[in-house]
């Protein structure tokens, strides 16, 4: 499966078998509105809604 083929069906879950020869690992994605590690970017307790987040693979040559 190529990346362009995967993009034509974004609801399909990717598995390591789809990417032979590409090492798979784990990742953690944190979404935050904090301006710095100690200063919030908005009022405390405010709820945020994200309707779209896209994560694309980064493959080194």
C-alpha atoms as a PDB file:
ATOM      1  CA  UNK A   1       0.000   0.000   0.000  1.00  0.00           C
ATOM      2  CA  UNK A   2       1.299   3.441  -0.863  1.00  0.00           C
ATOM      3  CA  UNK A   3       0.636   6.622   1.079  1.00  0.00           C
ATOM      4  CA  UNK A   4      -1.527   7.956  -1.764  1.00  0.00           C
ATOM      5  CA  UNK A   5      -3.625   4.763  -1.723  1.00  0.00           C
ATOM      6  CA  UNK A   6      -4.060   5.081   2.033  1.00  0.00           C
ATOM      7  CA  UNK A   7      -5.180   8.706   1.662  1.00  0.00           C
ATOM      8  CA  UNK A   8      -8.017   7.663  -0.673  1.00  0.00           C
ATOM      9  CA  UNK A   9      -9.586   5.752   2.227  1.00  0.00           C
ATOM     10  CA  UNK A  10      -8.790   7.764   5.380  1.00  0.00           C
ATOM     11  CA  UNK A  11     -11.300   5.853   7.526  1.00  0.00           C
ATOM     12  CA  UNK A  12      -9.250   2.664   7.090  1.00  0.00           C
ATOM     13  CA  UNK A  13      -6.879   1.924   9.963  1.00  0.00           C
ATOM     14  CA  UNK A  14      -3.231   1.535   8.972  1.00  0.00           C
ATOM     15  CA  UNK A  15      -1.336  -1.504  10.245  1.00  0.00           C
ATOM     16  CA  UNK A  16       2.380  -2.354  10.156  1.00  0.00           C
ATOM     17  CA  UNK A  17       1.630  -4.837   7.347  1.00  0.00           C
ATOM     18  CA  UNK A  18       0.656  -1.863   5.148  1.00  0.00           C
ATOM     19  CA  UNK A  19       4.165  -0.436   5.372  1.00  0.00           C
ATOM     20  CA  UNK A  20       6.670  -3.264   4.816  1.00  0.00           C
ATOM     21  CA  UNK A  21      10.245  -2.264   5.563  1.00  0.00           C
ATOM     22  CA  UNK A  22       9.197   0.774   7.588  1.00  0.00           C
ATOM     23  CA  UNK A  23       9.966   0.396  11.299  1.00  0.00           C
ATOM     24  CA  UNK A  24       6.912   1.072  13.434  1.00  0.00           C
ATOM     25  CA  UNK A  25       7.118   2.595  16.875  1.00  0.00           C
ATOM     26  CA  UNK A  26       4.929   4.286  19.413  1.00  0.00           C
ATOM     27  CA  UNK A  27       4.075   7.939  19.630  1.00  0.00           C
ATOM     28  CA  UNK A  28       2.256  10.181  22.038  1.00  0.00           C
ATOM     29  CA  UNK A  29       0.317  13.180  20.777  1.00  0.00           C
ATOM     30  CA  UNK A  30      -0.483  15.929  23.266  1.00  0.00           C
ATOM     31  CA  UNK A  31      -2.749  18.806  22.295  1.00  0.00           C
ATOM     32  CA  UNK A  32      -2.549  21.813  24.583  1.00  0.00           C
ATOM     33  CA  UNK A  33      -3.398  25.507  24.550  1.00  0.00           C
ATOM     34  CA  UNK A  34      -0.782  26.361  27.167  1.00  0.00           C
ATOM     35  CA  UNK A  35       1.468  29.262  26.130  1.00  0.00           C
ATOM     36  CA  UNK A  36       4.431  27.875  28.120  1.00  0.00           C
ATOM     37  CA  UNK A  37       5.013  25.008  30.542  1.00  0.00           C
ATOM     38  CA  UNK A  38       3.761  27.214  33.404  1.00  0.00           C
ATOM     39  CA  UNK A  39       1.431  29.785  31.767  1.00  0.00           C
ATOM     40  CA  UNK A  40      -1.979  28.767  30.423  1.00  0.00           C
ATOM     41  CA  UNK A  41      -3.010  30.100  27.024  1.00  0.00           C
ATOM     42  CA  UNK A  42      -6.557  30.762  28.177  1.00  0.00           C
ATOM     43  CA  UNK A  43      -8.829  30.596  31.216  1.00  0.00           C
ATOM     44  CA  UNK A  44      -8.386  27.518  33.435  1.00  0.00           C
ATOM     45  CA  UNK A  45     -11.160  24.963  33.011  1.00  0.00           C
ATOM     46  CA  UNK A  46     -12.049  26.144  29.509  1.00  0.00           C
ATOM     47  CA  UNK A  47     -12.992  23.290  27.188  1.00  0.00           C
ATOM     48  CA  UNK A  48     -11.560  23.190  23.699  1.00  0.00           C
ATOM     49  CA  UNK A  49     -13.051  21.423  20.714  1.00  0.00           C
ATOM     50  CA  UNK A  50     -10.951  20.291  17.771  1.00  0.00           C
ATOM     51  CA  UNK A  51     -12.874  19.019  14.801  1.00  0.00           C
ATOM     52  CA  UNK A  52      -9.818  18.045  12.752  1.00  0.00           C
ATOM     53  CA  UNK A  53      -6.288  16.950  13.603  1.00  0.00           C
ATOM     54  CA  UNK A  54      -4.110  15.424  10.906  1.00  0.00           C
ATOM     55  CA  UNK A  55      -0.998  13.399  11.628  1.00  0.00           C
ATOM     56  CA  UNK A  56       1.117  12.346   8.693  1.00  0.00           C
ATOM     57  CA  UNK A  57       4.003   9.897   8.705  1.00  0.00           C
ATOM     58  CA  UNK A  58       7.480  11.358   8.565  1.00  0.00           C
ATOM     59  CA  UNK A  59       9.763   9.113   6.568  1.00  0.00           C
ATOM     60  CA  UNK A  60      13.432   9.974   6.325  1.00  0.00           C
ATOM     61  CA  UNK A  61      15.214   9.257   3.046  1.00  0.00           C
END
